[in-house]
Amino acid sequence: MKLILAGINVVDTPLVHDAMELTRSLSEPYLYNHVMRSWLFAVLIAARAKPAPDAELLAVSAILHDLGLTDRYSAEERFEVDGANAARSFLKERGIPAQQLQLVWDAIALHTTRSIALHKEPEVAMTPFRNLRGRAWCGIGADSSRQASRNSR
């Protein structure tokens, strides 16, 4: 199933809706809007990726990537790890296989560590929410982001 958000076709599954609802229920509006924009950027980047990432896992990774900043899931680790752990629990409760749990965990835990994330699976490497020193991601892929990173040093 497909859903159109801001003119962009995105995956539309019960898992994605559950992730959206969880994030919406726990986040301030600015944070919810941020993760939804992150998902849309991820979809745009993934459209040109080879191999293409799993659209549902990419969506869930983007939508849940800042759970570690919420009161419910903020714990003793870095917020990226707290968020990754929360996402893993969310997915485990829904019977998602271990390999997919790990991809989502990696995508969220590494979303601010792009130097490592770029060497991982497409679901991890194609996420637009990694820190790019303020540069916009819209429409550029991993190869372009590597060059942008080199040029910003």
Protein backbone atom coordinates (compact mmCIF):
# COMPACT_ATOMS: atom_id res chain seq x y z
CA MET A 1 0.00 0.00 0.00
CA LYS A 2 1.11 3.56 -0.65
CA LEU A 3 0.37 6.84 1.06
CA ILE A 4 1.18 10.32 -0.27
CA LEU A 5 2.74 12.79 2.19
CA ALA A 6 3.87 16.22 0.97
CA GLY A 7 3.58 14.92 -2.58
CA ILE A 8 5.88 11.95 -1.89
CA ASN A 9 4.75 8.32 -2.20
CA VAL A 10 5.60 6.48 1.02
CA VAL A 11 4.99 2.96 2.26
CA ASP A 12 1.68 2.52 4.09
CA THR A 13 1.58 -0.47 6.46
CA PRO A 14 0.19 -1.15 9.94
CA LEU A 15 3.76 -1.20 11.30
CA VAL A 16 4.47 2.26 9.87
CA HIS A 17 1.19 3.57 11.29
CA ASP A 18 2.05 2.10 14.72
CA ALA A 19 5.47 3.79 14.60
CA MET A 20 3.87 7.09 13.65
CA GLU A 21 1.35 6.81 16.48
CA LEU A 22 4.00 5.93 19.06
CA THR A 23 6.21 8.83 18.03
CA ARG A 24 3.28 11.27 17.85
CA SER A 25 2.09 10.25 21.34
CA LEU A 26 5.51 10.76 22.94
CA SER A 27 6.99 13.71 21.05
CA GLU A 28 6.56 17.43 21.08
CA PRO A 29 5.14 18.64 17.75
CA TYR A 30 8.51 20.00 16.58
CA LEU A 31 10.17 16.60 17.16
CA TYR A 32 7.37 14.66 15.48
CA ASN A 33 7.56 17.00 12.48
CA HIS A 34 11.33 16.52 12.36
CA VAL A 35 11.14 12.71 12.24
CA MET A 36 8.42 12.83 9.59
CA ARG A 37 10.55 15.17 7.45
CA SER A 38 13.48 12.80 8.00
CA TRP A 39 11.37 9.96 6.64
CA LEU A 40 10.43 11.97 3.55
CA PHE A 41 14.08 12.83 2.90
CA ALA A 42 14.96 9.15 3.35
CA VAL A 43 12.39 8.17 0.75
CA LEU A 44 13.81 10.68 -1.74
CA ILE A 45 17.37 9.48 -1.18
CA ALA A 46 16.38 5.80 -1.29
CA ALA A 47 14.61 6.23 -4.63
CA ARG A 48 18.02 6.46 -6.30
CA ALA A 49 19.86 3.94 -4.13
CA LYS A 50 21.23 0.69 -5.49
CA PRO A 51 20.45 -1.65 -3.88
CA ALA A 52 17.18 -0.15 -2.72
CA PRO A 53 16.51 -0.32 1.01
CA ASP A 54 13.43 -2.00 2.44
CA ALA A 55 10.86 0.81 2.43
CA GLU A 56 9.10 -0.31 5.61
CA LEU A 57 12.32 -0.68 7.63
CA LEU A 58 13.57 2.67 6.34
CA ALA A 59 10.28 4.28 7.38
CA VAL A 60 10.33 2.78 10.85
CA SER A 61 13.98 3.74 11.35
CA ALA A 62 13.32 7.34 10.38
CA ILE A 63 10.07 7.68 12.33
CA LEU A 64 11.51 6.19 15.52
CA HIS A 65 15.02 7.63 15.30
CA ASP A 66 14.61 10.22 18.06
CA LEU A 67 12.69 8.19 20.66
CA GLY A 68 15.75 8.51 22.89
CA LEU A 69 14.96 12.21 23.25
CA THR A 70 11.52 11.55 24.74
CA ASP A 71 10.83 11.38 28.48
CA ARG A 72 9.61 7.79 28.20
CA TYR A 73 12.76 6.41 26.58
CA SER A 74 15.53 8.71 27.75
CA ALA A 75 17.76 6.51 29.92
CA GLU A 76 21.44 6.33 30.79
CA GLU A 77 22.94 5.78 27.34
CA ARG A 78 23.45 8.21 24.48
CA PHE A 79 20.07 9.24 23.09
CA GLU A 80 20.82 7.35 19.87
CA VAL A 81 21.28 4.09 21.78
CA ASP A 82 18.26 4.74 24.02
CA GLY A 83 16.20 5.31 20.88
CA ALA A 84 17.58 2.23 19.15
CA ASN A 85 16.77 0.11 22.21
CA ALA A 86 13.23 1.53 22.32
CA ALA A 87 12.73 0.80 18.62
CA ARG A 88 14.01 -2.75 19.08
CA SER A 89 11.48 -3.35 21.87
CA PHE A 90 8.70 -1.83 19.75
CA LEU A 91 9.54 -4.14 16.83
CA LYS A 92 10.10 -7.22 18.99
CA GLU A 93 6.59 -6.80 20.46
CA ARG A 94 5.28 -6.97 16.90
CA GLY A 95 7.15 -10.15 15.99
CA ILE A 96 9.65 -8.58 13.61
CA PRO A 97 12.57 -10.96 12.79
CA ALA A 98 15.96 -10.47 14.47
CA GLN A 99 17.78 -9.43 11.28
CA GLN A 100 15.29 -6.63 10.67
CA LEU A 101 15.48 -5.59 14.35
CA GLN A 102 19.23 -5.26 13.98
CA LEU A 103 18.97 -3.13 10.82
CA VAL A 104 16.63 -0.69 12.54
CA TRP A 105 18.77 -0.68 15.69
CA ASP A 106 21.89 0.10 13.63
CA ALA A 107 20.14 2.83 11.62
CA ILE A 108 18.99 4.61 14.76
CA ALA A 109 22.11 4.06 16.87
CA LEU A 110 24.34 5.28 14.02
CA HIS A 111 22.20 8.14 12.77
CA THR A 112 24.68 10.71 14.05
CA THR A 113 27.76 8.67 13.11
CA ARG A 114 27.66 8.85 9.35
CA SER A 115 31.29 7.79 8.88
CA ILE A 116 30.26 4.31 10.04
CA ALA A 117 26.66 4.29 8.79
CA LEU A 118 27.77 4.83 5.18
CA HIS A 119 29.43 1.41 5.26
CA LYS A 120 26.34 -0.44 6.46
CA GLU A 121 23.25 -1.89 4.77
CA PRO A 122 21.08 0.43 2.62
CA GLU A 123 18.50 0.86 5.39
CA VAL A 124 21.26 2.26 7.59
CA ALA A 125 23.36 4.07 4.98
CA MET A 126 20.49 5.82 3.18
CA THR A 127 18.96 7.50 6.19
CA PRO A 128 18.95 11.28 5.77
CA PHE A 129 18.88 12.13 9.43
CA ARG A 130 22.58 11.68 10.10
CA ASN A 131 24.47 14.83 10.96
CA LEU A 132 25.77 16.54 7.83
CA ARG A 133 26.95 19.74 9.49
CA GLY A 134 23.75 21.57 8.54
CA ARG A 135 23.67 20.64 4.86
CA ALA A 136 20.32 19.77 3.30
CA TRP A 137 19.95 16.17 2.14
CA CYS A 138 17.07 16.55 -0.25
CA GLY A 139 17.90 14.66 -3.44
CA ILE A 140 21.49 13.63 -2.79
CA GLY A 141 22.62 10.05 -2.29
CA ALA A 142 25.38 8.45 -0.27
CA ASP A 143 28.11 9.10 -2.85
CA SER A 144 27.24 12.80 -2.94
CA SER A 145 27.12 12.95 0.86
CA ARG A 146 30.61 11.47 1.13
CA GLN A 147 31.93 14.18 -1.19
CA ALA A 148 30.02 16.89 0.70
CA SER A 149 31.56 15.66 3.94
CA ARG A 150 35.08 15.73 2.48
CA ASN A 151 34.53 19.25 1.12
CA SER A 152 33.30 20.56 4.47
CA ARG A 153 36.53 19.71 6.32
